[in-house]
Amino acid sequence: MNYHNKIFRPISNTANGETSEQTVFHYRQTGTILTAEYAGGEIIKGHLIGLVDELGNIDMRYHQVNDKGELMTGICRSTPELLPNGKIRLHEQWEWTSGDKSKGTSIIEEQ
């Protein structure tokens, strides 16, 4: 699975997360290395970097600045689902490595 030049938006997130339907992720992939820039909603600017395995699973780290001026960091593992229309849905399990260090889940879909 290749994520290069794909755009994703969240469709759900737990309450302790900062992404929302207004957040837009722009993915880039070279080989197994995935990067993305994202912003929108509570997030002023964010970046992620990760590794993609042979099944399309992503192991990533992220950092972002929110609308309160806080620098937030975390880890995320995403599992892909191929939708009937050919688009990708990512099921994510994440954990803050800053702030309250809580965990959550989210789902993002390719636009």
C-alpha atoms as a PDB file:
ATOM      1  CA  MET A   1       0.000   0.000   0.000  1.00  0.00           C
ATOM      2  CA  ASN A   2       1.339   3.407  -0.926  1.00  0.00           C
ATOM      3  CA  TYR A   3       0.206   6.623   0.745  1.00  0.00           C
ATOM      4  CA  HIS A   4       2.130   9.056  -1.471  1.00  0.00           C
ATOM      5  CA  ASN A   5       0.234  12.288  -2.281  1.00  0.00           C
ATOM      6  CA  LYS A   6      -2.917  11.122  -0.481  1.00  0.00           C
ATOM      7  CA  ILE A   7      -5.041  13.495   1.596  1.00  0.00           C
ATOM      8  CA  PHE A   8      -6.837  12.261   4.726  1.00  0.00           C
ATOM      9  CA  ARG A   9      -9.403  13.771   7.103  1.00  0.00           C
ATOM     10  CA  PRO A  10     -10.575  12.418  10.466  1.00  0.00           C
ATOM     11  CA  ILE A  11     -14.079  10.988  10.662  1.00  0.00           C
ATOM     12  CA  SER A  12     -13.898  10.141  14.384  1.00  0.00           C
ATOM     13  CA  ASN A  13     -11.633  10.710  17.380  1.00  0.00           C
ATOM     14  CA  THR A  14     -11.814  10.190  21.117  1.00  0.00           C
ATOM     15  CA  ALA A  15     -12.458  13.300  23.231  1.00  0.00           C
ATOM     16  CA  ASN A  16      -8.837  13.604  24.414  1.00  0.00           C
ATOM     17  CA  GLY A  17      -7.561  14.013  20.832  1.00  0.00           C
ATOM     18  CA  GLU A  18      -7.020  17.287  18.993  1.00  0.00           C
ATOM     19  CA  THR A  19      -7.847  16.304  15.402  1.00  0.00           C
ATOM     20  CA  SER A  20     -11.302  16.937  13.986  1.00  0.00           C
ATOM     21  CA  GLU A  21     -13.120  16.959  10.642  1.00  0.00           C
ATOM     22  CA  GLN A  22     -11.357  20.291   9.962  1.00  0.00           C
ATOM     23  CA  THR A  23      -7.884  18.689  10.158  1.00  0.00           C
ATOM     24  CA  VAL A  24      -6.284  17.864   6.808  1.00  0.00           C
ATOM     25  CA  PHE A  25      -3.326  15.479   6.486  1.00  0.00           C
ATOM     26  CA  HIS A  26      -1.105  15.558   3.362  1.00  0.00           C
ATOM     27  CA  TYR A  27       0.805  12.261   3.174  1.00  0.00           C
ATOM     28  CA  ARG A  28       4.084  11.644   1.319  1.00  0.00           C
ATOM     29  CA  GLN A  29       5.848   8.299   1.022  1.00  0.00           C
ATOM     30  CA  THR A  30       9.283   7.281  -0.240  1.00  0.00           C
ATOM     31  CA  GLY A  31       9.961   3.569   0.086  1.00  0.00           C
ATOM     32  CA  THR A  32       8.824   2.584   3.569  1.00  0.00           C
ATOM     33  CA  ILE A  33       9.214   6.111   5.001  1.00  0.00           C
ATOM     34  CA  LEU A  34       6.006   8.092   5.448  1.00  0.00           C
ATOM     35  CA  THR A  35       5.816  11.799   6.282  1.00  0.00           C
ATOM     36  CA  ALA A  36       2.915  14.208   6.517  1.00  0.00           C
ATOM     37  CA  GLU A  37       2.061  17.789   7.318  1.00  0.00           C
ATOM     38  CA  TYR A  38      -1.306  18.572   8.841  1.00  0.00           C
ATOM     39  CA  ALA A  39      -3.341  21.472  10.198  1.00  0.00           C
ATOM     40  CA  GLY A  40      -6.908  22.523  10.892  1.00  0.00           C
ATOM     41  CA  GLY A  41      -9.342  22.796  13.762  1.00  0.00           C
ATOM     42  CA  GLU A  42      -7.424  22.919  17.056  1.00  0.00           C
ATOM     43  CA  ILE A  43      -4.114  22.192  15.290  1.00  0.00           C
ATOM     44  CA  ILE A  44      -2.111  25.135  13.962  1.00  0.00           C
ATOM     45  CA  LYS A  45       0.669  22.987  12.455  1.00  0.00           C
ATOM     46  CA  GLY A  46       1.706  19.358  12.748  1.00  0.00           C
ATOM     47  CA  HIS A  47       4.132  16.853  11.271  1.00  0.00           C
ATOM     48  CA  LEU A  48       4.439  13.102  11.427  1.00  0.00           C
ATOM     49  CA  ILE A  49       7.027  10.562  10.373  1.00  0.00           C
ATOM     50  CA  GLY A  50       6.529   6.836  10.235  1.00  0.00           C
ATOM     51  CA  LEU A  51       7.386   3.496   8.740  1.00  0.00           C
ATOM     52  CA  VAL A  52       5.001   1.509   6.544  1.00  0.00           C
ATOM     53  CA  ASP A  53       5.174  -2.295   6.628  1.00  0.00           C
ATOM     54  CA  GLU A  54       4.350  -4.737   3.826  1.00  0.00           C
ATOM     55  CA  LEU A  55       0.649  -4.814   4.858  1.00  0.00           C
ATOM     56  CA  GLY A  56       0.327  -1.006   4.907  1.00  0.00           C
ATOM     57  CA  ASN A  57       0.383  -0.701   8.707  1.00  0.00           C
ATOM     58  CA  ILE A  58       2.009   2.517   9.893  1.00  0.00           C
ATOM     59  CA  ASP A  59       4.135   3.008  13.013  1.00  0.00           C
ATOM     60  CA  MET A  60       4.491   6.774  13.443  1.00  0.00           C
ATOM     61  CA  ARG A  61       5.517   9.608  15.707  1.00  0.00           C
ATOM     62  CA  TYR A  62       3.882  13.024  15.579  1.00  0.00           C
ATOM     63  CA  HIS A  63       4.308  16.526  16.947  1.00  0.00           C
ATOM     64  CA  GLN A  64       1.992  19.491  16.661  1.00  0.00           C
ATOM     65  CA  VAL A  65       1.285  22.967  17.961  1.00  0.00           C
ATOM     66  CA  ASN A  66      -2.316  23.470  19.047  1.00  0.00           C
ATOM     67  CA  ASP A  67      -4.429  26.618  19.199  1.00  0.00           C
ATOM     68  CA  LYS A  68      -3.411  27.099  22.859  1.00  0.00           C
ATOM     69  CA  GLY A  69       0.238  27.457  21.773  1.00  0.00           C
ATOM     70  CA  GLU A  70       1.193  24.081  23.266  1.00  0.00           C
ATOM     71  CA  LEU A  71       3.682  21.701  21.649  1.00  0.00           C
ATOM     72  CA  MET A  72       2.172  18.199  21.776  1.00  0.00           C
ATOM     73  CA  THR A  73       3.850  14.905  20.864  1.00  0.00           C
ATOM     74  CA  GLY A  74       2.711  11.337  20.482  1.00  0.00           C
ATOM     75  CA  ILE A  75       2.920   7.902  18.919  1.00  0.00           C
ATOM     76  CA  CYS A  76       0.373   6.232  16.671  1.00  0.00           C
ATOM     77  CA  ARG A  77      -0.159   2.875  15.016  1.00  0.00           C
ATOM     78  CA  SER A  78      -2.493   2.850  12.018  1.00  0.00           C
ATOM     79  CA  THR A  79      -4.111  -0.154  10.346  1.00  0.00           C
ATOM     80  CA  PRO A  80      -5.461   0.318   6.808  1.00  0.00           C
ATOM     81  CA  GLU A  81      -8.846  -0.751   5.461  1.00  0.00           C
ATOM     82  CA  LEU A  82      -9.481  -0.595   1.721  1.00  0.00           C
ATOM     83  CA  LEU A  83     -12.989   0.755   1.103  1.00  0.00           C
ATOM     84  CA  PRO A  84     -15.254  -0.442  -1.752  1.00  0.00           C
ATOM     85  CA  ASN A  85     -14.612   2.854  -3.603  1.00  0.00           C
ATOM     86  CA  GLY A  86     -10.841   2.169  -3.585  1.00  0.00           C
ATOM     87  CA  LYS A  87     -10.093   4.804  -0.919  1.00  0.00           C
ATOM     88  CA  ILE A  88      -8.167   4.028   2.271  1.00  0.00           C
ATOM     89  CA  ARG A  89      -9.539   4.242   5.821  1.00  0.00           C
ATOM     90  CA  LEU A  90      -6.973   4.206   8.644  1.00  0.00           C
ATOM     91  CA  HIS A  91      -7.886   2.856  12.085  1.00  0.00           C
ATOM     92  CA  GLU A  92      -5.557   4.513  14.579  1.00  0.00           C
ATOM     93  CA  GLN A  93      -4.478   3.760  18.128  1.00  0.00           C
ATOM     94  CA  TRP A  94      -2.498   6.655  19.556  1.00  0.00           C
ATOM     95  CA  GLU A  95      -0.936   7.854  22.767  1.00  0.00           C
ATOM     96  CA  TRP A  96       0.239  11.262  23.891  1.00  0.00           C
ATOM     97  CA  THR A  97       3.905  11.354  24.959  1.00  0.00           C
ATOM     98  CA  SER A  98       3.337  14.850  26.332  1.00  0.00           C
ATOM     99  CA  GLY A  99       0.554  16.410  28.395  1.00  0.00           C
ATOM    100  CA  ASP A 100      -1.539  13.844  30.263  1.00  0.00           C
ATOM    101  CA  LYS A 101      -0.030  10.892  28.319  1.00  0.00           C
ATOM    102  CA  SER A 102      -3.519   9.501  27.688  1.00  0.00           C
ATOM    103  CA  LYS A 103      -4.454   7.089  24.902  1.00  0.00           C
ATOM    104  CA  GLY A 104      -7.147   7.217  22.258  1.00  0.00           C
ATOM    105  CA  THR A 105      -8.438   5.956  18.946  1.00  0.00           C
ATOM    106  CA  SER A 106      -9.346   7.715  15.741  1.00  0.00           C
ATOM    107  CA  ILE A 107     -10.344   6.942  12.170  1.00  0.00           C
ATOM    108  CA  ILE A 108      -9.200   8.955   9.174  1.00  0.00           C
ATOM    109  CA  GLU A 109     -10.285   8.522   5.555  1.00  0.00           C
ATOM    110  CA  GLU A 110      -8.693   9.339   2.244  1.00  0.00           C
ATOM    111  CA  GLN A 111     -10.414  12.223   0.454  1.00  0.00           C
END
